[in-house]
Amino acid sequence: MRDVATLLESVGAPPRRPALAAPEIGPWREGNVIPGVWSFEGVEPGLHVCVVALTHGNEIAGAVLLDRWLRSGLRPLAGRLTLVFANLDAFSRFNPEDPTASRFLEEDLNRVWNREVLEGPRRTSELRRARALRPVLDAADVVLDLHSMLWPGDPLFLVGASPEAADLAMQLGAPPLTVADDGHEEGLRLIDYLPPGATSRRGILLEAGWHWEEETAQRMDRVARRLLALTGLLPGAPEEARPETPRLARVVRTITARSPGFRFTRPWCSGEAVPGGTLLARDGALEIRAPEEGCLLVIPNLLPRPGQTALRIAKLEGGS
């Protein structure tokens, strides 16, 4: 945490000690489908919406939200609502004294959703969990994957190649920025996973704000409830959520770190716009610059390891 703390201090960020306590999810570990998965059917037919927390075991705000929903007895009026505590094993090791250490146990659960990987011979804790969750996700019409952020930046939606997913994120409207990209070189994300026979999927990843903050959990609640209203699972019209005009940006370049010497020229923040040609980072002898005018930086990973995505560079649709 010392390197992380130094970088955060350099951008004027407060210390990253958890302000949000990890929930006690003991009552929910057994599930009513498989461990950590709860599914409820409404009295009317409708869509199947799956809300996923703890894809990364240290991103506890999503688990706080699902715990609150389960304790309150939230149920859909129509369709089916499925709540998933994804990486239970990693979350079990969450320690507020070292809160970045429990992101995963053996590999990133959000990089294993390639069909070849899921059906291949490799065996890890995360792959076992992904294989167990696969039938649950295969049955869903809409997937909302709840995440939070270590580095400073405004909340946003991430979607893959599906135009239907981008349209749904834009309808949600807050946070106002939706970024469409092709994912990571390391492997497919949960939102990129397509069930057998499917050609598209409304999978949306919400980056709701900083890790371990109550505001992040509250933002997840607002977005998820609006999604349930838009998809007809909750009664009544969805609350208006457009403090700003929704914007769609598409990633034009994804930077993957190649060497242990990858260094940004400064601690860039997600959402910053930079002029074309701006020197952003050096990866060994390689200089990495903004490829054109009006580029938007998306979720810089200020301490990337070789093979990890270090930065996505996007352009707003309809101009810069």
Protein backbone atom coordinates (compact mmCIF):
# COMPACT_ATOMS: atom_id res chain seq x y z
CA MET A 1 0.00 0.00 0.00
CA ARG A 2 2.95 2.39 0.38
CA ASP A 3 3.41 2.95 -3.38
CA VAL A 4 -0.35 3.33 -3.82
CA ALA A 5 -0.53 5.80 -0.93
CA THR A 6 2.33 7.88 -2.34
CA LEU A 7 0.67 8.15 -5.73
CA LEU A 8 -2.69 9.05 -4.23
CA GLU A 9 -1.07 11.72 -2.09
CA SER A 10 0.56 13.18 -5.21
CA VAL A 11 -2.87 13.81 -6.79
CA GLY A 12 -4.30 15.31 -3.61
CA ALA A 13 -6.35 12.26 -2.71
CA PRO A 14 -7.18 11.36 0.88
CA PRO A 15 -5.61 8.28 2.45
CA ARG A 16 -7.21 5.10 1.15
CA ARG A 17 -8.24 3.62 4.45
CA PRO A 18 -11.70 2.05 4.15
CA ALA A 19 -14.43 4.38 5.38
CA LEU A 20 -16.99 1.70 4.52
CA ALA A 21 -17.08 -1.44 6.63
CA ALA A 22 -17.20 -4.80 4.90
CA PRO A 23 -20.66 -6.34 5.35
CA GLU A 24 -21.31 -9.52 7.28
CA ILE A 25 -22.67 -11.72 4.51
CA GLY A 26 -22.77 -14.95 6.49
CA PRO A 27 -26.56 -15.23 6.12
CA TRP A 28 -26.22 -15.02 2.34
CA ARG A 29 -23.31 -17.37 1.66
CA GLU A 30 -25.46 -20.46 1.15
CA GLY A 31 -27.64 -18.82 -1.50
CA ASN A 32 -30.87 -20.23 -2.86
CA VAL A 33 -29.39 -21.23 -6.24
CA ILE A 34 -25.70 -21.92 -5.56
CA PRO A 35 -23.46 -20.49 -2.82
CA GLY A 36 -23.53 -16.70 -2.88
CA VAL A 37 -26.35 -16.47 -5.45
CA TRP A 38 -29.92 -15.47 -4.61
CA SER A 39 -32.68 -15.40 -7.21
CA PHE A 40 -36.28 -14.20 -6.86
CA GLU A 41 -39.15 -14.37 -9.33
CA GLY A 42 -41.89 -11.77 -9.61
CA VAL A 43 -45.58 -12.54 -9.98
CA GLU A 44 -45.64 -11.20 -13.55
CA PRO A 45 -43.48 -12.37 -16.49
CA GLY A 46 -40.56 -10.21 -17.50
CA LEU A 47 -36.83 -9.92 -17.98
CA HIS A 48 -34.15 -11.65 -15.91
CA VAL A 49 -31.77 -9.06 -14.46
CA CYS A 50 -28.59 -10.18 -12.71
CA VAL A 51 -26.76 -7.75 -10.37
CA VAL A 52 -23.21 -8.85 -9.58
CA ALA A 53 -20.99 -7.69 -6.70
CA LEU A 54 -17.51 -8.77 -5.59
CA THR A 55 -16.18 -9.66 -9.03
CA HIS A 56 -13.12 -8.27 -7.28
CA GLY A 57 -12.99 -9.35 -3.66
CA ASN A 58 -11.78 -6.01 -2.28
CA GLU A 59 -14.52 -3.93 -3.97
CA ILE A 60 -16.89 -4.21 -1.06
CA ALA A 61 -19.42 -1.46 -1.88
CA GLY A 62 -21.37 -3.82 -4.14
CA ALA A 63 -21.56 -6.40 -1.37
CA VAL A 64 -22.81 -3.69 1.00
CA LEU A 65 -25.61 -2.94 -1.47
CA LEU A 66 -26.65 -6.56 -1.99
CA ASP A 67 -26.57 -7.17 1.79
CA ARG A 68 -28.87 -4.18 2.31
CA TRP A 69 -31.27 -5.35 -0.39
CA LEU A 70 -31.44 -8.88 0.98
CA ARG A 71 -31.97 -7.67 4.55
CA SER A 72 -34.76 -5.34 3.37
CA GLY A 73 -36.53 -8.13 1.49
CA LEU A 74 -36.38 -6.42 -1.93
CA ARG A 75 -38.27 -8.51 -4.47
CA PRO A 76 -39.18 -7.93 -8.12
CA LEU A 77 -42.77 -7.26 -9.14
CA ALA A 78 -42.14 -8.88 -12.54
CA GLY A 79 -39.43 -10.95 -14.16
CA ARG A 80 -36.55 -12.37 -12.16
CA LEU A 81 -33.90 -10.65 -10.04
CA THR A 82 -30.66 -12.50 -9.31
CA LEU A 83 -28.09 -11.16 -6.85
CA VAL A 84 -24.55 -12.55 -7.06
CA PHE A 85 -21.71 -12.33 -4.53
CA ALA A 86 -19.10 -13.39 -7.09
CA ASN A 87 -15.62 -13.96 -5.61
CA LEU A 88 -16.53 -15.19 -2.14
CA ASP A 89 -13.10 -16.69 -1.48
CA ALA A 90 -11.23 -13.46 -2.20
CA PHE A 91 -13.73 -11.41 -0.19
CA SER A 92 -13.22 -13.76 2.77
CA ARG A 93 -9.63 -12.48 2.92
CA PHE A 94 -10.53 -8.78 2.86
CA ASN A 95 -8.48 -6.95 5.47
CA PRO A 96 -9.03 -3.21 6.03
CA GLU A 97 -5.36 -2.94 7.05
CA ASP A 98 -4.33 -4.11 3.54
CA PRO A 99 -7.47 -3.52 1.48
CA THR A 100 -5.98 -3.92 -2.00
CA ALA A 101 -4.64 -7.43 -1.36
CA SER A 102 -7.89 -9.37 -1.78
CA ARG A 103 -8.77 -8.36 -5.35
CA PHE A 104 -8.44 -12.05 -6.27
CA LEU A 105 -6.70 -15.21 -5.07
CA GLU A 106 -5.04 -16.75 -8.14
CA GLU A 107 -6.19 -14.72 -11.13
CA ASP A 108 -8.56 -11.89 -11.96
CA LEU A 109 -12.14 -13.19 -12.07
CA ASN A 110 -12.91 -10.42 -14.56
CA ARG A 111 -10.48 -11.78 -17.15
CA VAL A 112 -11.55 -15.45 -17.44
CA TRP A 113 -14.76 -15.24 -19.49
CA ASN A 114 -13.35 -16.50 -22.80
CA ARG A 115 -15.23 -19.63 -23.87
CA GLU A 116 -11.93 -21.45 -24.48
CA VAL A 117 -10.70 -20.63 -20.97
CA LEU A 118 -13.96 -21.60 -19.27
CA GLU A 119 -14.05 -24.93 -21.09
CA GLY A 120 -10.30 -25.57 -20.97
CA PRO A 121 -8.11 -27.57 -18.59
CA ARG A 122 -6.80 -24.74 -16.40
CA ARG A 123 -7.75 -24.89 -12.72
CA THR A 124 -7.77 -21.88 -10.39
CA SER A 125 -10.05 -20.65 -7.62
CA GLU A 126 -11.45 -17.97 -9.90
CA LEU A 127 -12.08 -20.34 -12.79
CA ARG A 128 -13.91 -22.75 -10.52
CA ARG A 129 -16.16 -19.91 -9.44
CA ALA A 130 -16.70 -18.65 -13.00
CA ARG A 131 -17.69 -22.15 -14.13
CA ALA A 132 -20.16 -22.42 -11.26
CA LEU A 133 -21.64 -19.00 -12.08
CA ARG A 134 -21.86 -19.63 -15.80
CA PRO A 135 -25.36 -21.24 -15.82
CA VAL A 136 -26.69 -18.34 -13.73
CA LEU A 137 -25.32 -15.79 -16.19
CA ASP A 138 -26.42 -17.82 -19.20
CA ALA A 139 -30.04 -17.35 -18.09
CA ALA A 140 -29.85 -13.55 -17.61
CA ASP A 141 -31.16 -10.97 -20.10
CA VAL A 142 -29.33 -8.05 -18.46
CA VAL A 143 -26.19 -8.10 -16.30
CA LEU A 144 -25.07 -5.17 -14.14
CA ASP A 145 -21.56 -5.72 -12.76
CA LEU A 146 -20.81 -3.41 -9.81
CA HIS A 147 -17.26 -2.11 -9.43
CA SER A 148 -15.39 0.66 -7.66
CA MET A 149 -12.11 2.47 -8.36
CA LEU A 150 -8.76 2.72 -6.59
CA TRP A 151 -7.49 5.75 -8.52
CA PRO A 152 -9.17 9.18 -8.70
CA GLY A 153 -11.75 9.60 -11.45
CA ASP A 154 -15.40 10.29 -12.14
CA PRO A 155 -17.87 7.38 -12.13
CA LEU A 156 -18.73 5.87 -15.53
CA PHE A 157 -20.28 2.93 -17.33
CA LEU A 158 -18.21 0.47 -19.36
CA VAL A 159 -19.81 -1.61 -22.10
CA GLY A 160 -18.39 -3.97 -24.68
CA ALA A 161 -19.33 -4.33 -28.34
CA SER A 162 -23.09 -4.60 -27.81
CA PRO A 163 -24.96 -1.50 -29.04
CA GLU A 164 -27.93 -2.60 -26.93
CA ALA A 165 -25.78 -2.41 -23.80
CA ALA A 166 -24.57 1.08 -24.74
CA ASP A 167 -28.16 2.20 -25.34
CA LEU A 168 -29.24 0.89 -21.93
CA ALA A 169 -26.35 2.61 -20.16
CA MET A 170 -27.24 5.87 -21.89
CA GLN A 171 -30.87 5.46 -20.77
CA LEU A 172 -29.66 5.04 -17.19
CA GLY A 173 -28.08 8.44 -17.68
CA ALA A 174 -26.13 8.78 -14.44
CA PRO A 175 -23.21 8.60 -14.36
CA PRO A 176 -23.39 10.48 -17.65
CA LEU A 177 -20.34 8.94 -19.36
CA THR A 178 -20.55 5.55 -21.08
CA VAL A 179 -17.35 4.11 -22.55
CA ALA A 180 -17.51 1.35 -25.17
CA ASP A 181 -14.37 -0.74 -25.60
CA ASP A 182 -13.08 -4.16 -26.60
CA GLY A 183 -11.97 -5.16 -23.11
CA HIS A 184 -8.53 -6.37 -22.06
CA GLU A 185 -5.75 -8.26 -23.74
CA GLU A 186 -5.54 -10.44 -20.60
CA GLY A 187 -8.99 -11.96 -21.19
CA LEU A 188 -12.70 -11.29 -21.47
CA ARG A 189 -14.64 -9.51 -18.75
CA LEU A 190 -17.90 -10.80 -17.33
CA ILE A 191 -19.80 -8.19 -19.39
CA ASP A 192 -18.09 -9.48 -22.57
CA TYR A 193 -19.25 -13.05 -21.98
CA LEU A 194 -21.91 -14.34 -24.37
CA PRO A 195 -24.03 -17.37 -23.50
CA PRO A 196 -23.96 -20.19 -26.06
CA GLY A 197 -25.96 -19.20 -29.13
CA ALA A 198 -26.22 -15.52 -28.17
CA THR A 199 -25.03 -12.80 -30.56
CA SER A 200 -25.29 -9.87 -28.14
CA ARG A 201 -25.79 -9.24 -24.45
CA ARG A 202 -26.83 -6.24 -22.41
CA GLY A 203 -23.91 -6.37 -20.02
CA ILE A 204 -22.99 -3.15 -18.22
CA LEU A 205 -20.11 -2.51 -15.82
CA LEU A 206 -20.60 0.37 -13.40
CA GLU A 207 -17.46 2.02 -12.04
CA ALA A 208 -19.33 3.71 -9.22
CA GLY A 209 -16.60 5.74 -7.53
CA TRP A 210 -13.78 5.17 -5.11
CA HIS A 211 -13.35 1.94 -3.21
CA TRP A 212 -14.61 1.77 0.35
CA GLU A 213 -16.80 4.90 0.39
CA GLU A 214 -20.46 5.11 1.47
CA GLU A 215 -21.16 7.44 -1.46
CA THR A 216 -20.06 4.68 -3.83
CA ALA A 217 -22.53 2.20 -2.33
CA GLN A 218 -25.30 4.80 -2.51
CA ARG A 219 -24.54 5.50 -6.17
CA MET A 220 -24.71 1.76 -6.89
CA ASP A 221 -28.11 1.67 -5.21
CA ARG A 222 -29.46 4.54 -7.33
CA VAL A 223 -28.19 3.07 -10.59
CA ALA A 224 -29.34 -0.47 -9.85
CA ARG A 225 -32.82 0.63 -8.76
CA ARG A 226 -33.17 2.74 -11.90
CA LEU A 227 -32.14 -0.28 -13.96
CA LEU A 228 -34.78 -2.44 -12.28
CA ALA A 229 -37.41 0.22 -13.00
CA LEU A 230 -36.33 0.63 -16.65
CA THR A 231 -36.48 -3.14 -17.17
CA GLY A 232 -39.87 -3.46 -15.50
CA LEU A 233 -38.82 -5.42 -12.40
CA LEU A 234 -39.78 -2.67 -9.97
CA PRO A 235 -43.12 -0.87 -10.17
CA GLY A 236 -43.60 2.68 -11.34
CA ALA A 237 -41.70 4.92 -13.71
CA PRO A 238 -37.94 5.20 -13.09
CA GLU A 239 -36.77 8.38 -11.44
CA GLU A 240 -35.22 10.90 -13.79
CA ALA A 241 -31.43 10.64 -13.54
CA ARG A 242 -29.98 13.10 -16.03
CA PRO A 243 -28.13 15.90 -14.24
CA GLU A 244 -25.92 16.03 -17.35
CA THR A 245 -26.45 15.04 -20.96
CA PRO A 246 -25.37 11.39 -21.36
CA ARG A 247 -22.25 10.99 -23.48
CA LEU A 248 -20.86 7.98 -25.32
CA ALA A 249 -17.13 7.57 -25.88
CA ARG A 250 -15.41 4.80 -27.80
CA VAL A 251 -11.94 3.56 -26.99
CA VAL A 252 -9.54 4.16 -29.87
CA ARG A 253 -6.46 2.70 -28.22
CA THR A 254 -5.80 0.37 -25.30
CA ILE A 255 -2.35 0.52 -23.72
CA THR A 256 -1.04 -2.70 -22.18
CA ALA A 257 2.09 -2.49 -20.02
CA ARG A 258 4.95 -4.52 -21.52
CA SER A 259 7.79 -3.96 -19.06
CA PRO A 260 8.28 -3.56 -15.29
CA GLY A 261 9.53 -0.08 -16.13
CA PHE A 262 6.15 1.25 -17.29
CA ARG A 263 5.72 4.75 -15.83
CA PHE A 264 3.18 7.48 -16.43
CA THR A 265 4.58 10.99 -16.88
CA ARG A 266 2.27 12.09 -14.09
CA PRO A 267 -0.60 10.52 -12.15
CA TRP A 268 -3.34 11.05 -14.75
CA CYS A 269 -6.97 10.93 -13.62
CA SER A 270 -9.75 9.07 -15.37
CA GLY A 271 -11.86 11.46 -17.44
CA GLU A 272 -9.06 13.91 -18.24
CA ALA A 273 -9.04 15.28 -21.78
CA VAL A 274 -5.60 15.76 -23.33
CA PRO A 275 -4.32 17.33 -26.57
CA GLY A 276 -3.03 15.12 -29.37
CA GLY A 277 0.64 14.24 -29.01
CA THR A 278 0.67 14.58 -25.21
CA LEU A 279 3.31 12.30 -23.70
CA LEU A 280 1.38 10.11 -21.31
CA ALA A 281 3.79 7.36 -20.29
CA ARG A 282 7.00 5.52 -21.06
CA ASP A 283 7.19 1.75 -21.28
CA GLY A 284 10.91 1.10 -21.25
CA ALA A 285 12.23 2.99 -24.30
CA LEU A 286 8.75 3.30 -25.84
CA GLU A 287 6.97 6.65 -25.58
CA ILE A 288 3.18 6.55 -25.33
CA ARG A 289 1.39 9.65 -26.58
CA ALA A 290 -2.22 10.68 -27.10
CA PRO A 291 -2.90 9.68 -30.72
CA GLU A 292 -5.13 12.61 -31.68
CA GLU A 293 -6.86 15.76 -30.48
CA GLY A 294 -9.60 15.57 -27.88
CA CYS A 295 -8.60 12.26 -26.34
CA LEU A 296 -10.23 11.18 -23.09
CA LEU A 297 -8.24 9.09 -20.59
CA VAL A 298 -10.16 6.15 -19.15
CA ILE A 299 -9.25 4.53 -15.80
CA PRO A 300 -5.45 4.80 -15.77
CA ASN A 301 -3.87 1.99 -13.76
CA LEU A 302 -1.04 3.93 -12.17
CA LEU A 303 0.86 0.82 -11.05
CA PRO A 304 0.40 -1.71 -13.88
CA ARG A 305 2.23 -5.01 -14.05
CA PRO A 306 3.46 -6.34 -17.41
CA GLY A 307 0.48 -7.71 -19.32
CA GLN A 308 -2.06 -5.54 -17.52
CA THR A 309 -4.11 -2.79 -19.13
CA ALA A 310 -2.46 0.48 -18.14
CA LEU A 311 -4.76 2.94 -19.90
CA ARG A 312 -7.60 3.26 -22.39
CA ILE A 313 -7.79 6.29 -24.67
CA ALA A 314 -11.25 7.21 -25.93
CA LYS A 315 -12.98 9.73 -28.19
CA LEU A 316 -16.41 11.16 -27.51
CA GLU A 317 -18.93 10.42 -30.23
CA GLY A 318 -20.14 13.51 -32.01
CA GLY A 319 -16.93 15.44 -31.41
CA SER A 320 -14.43 16.09 -28.64
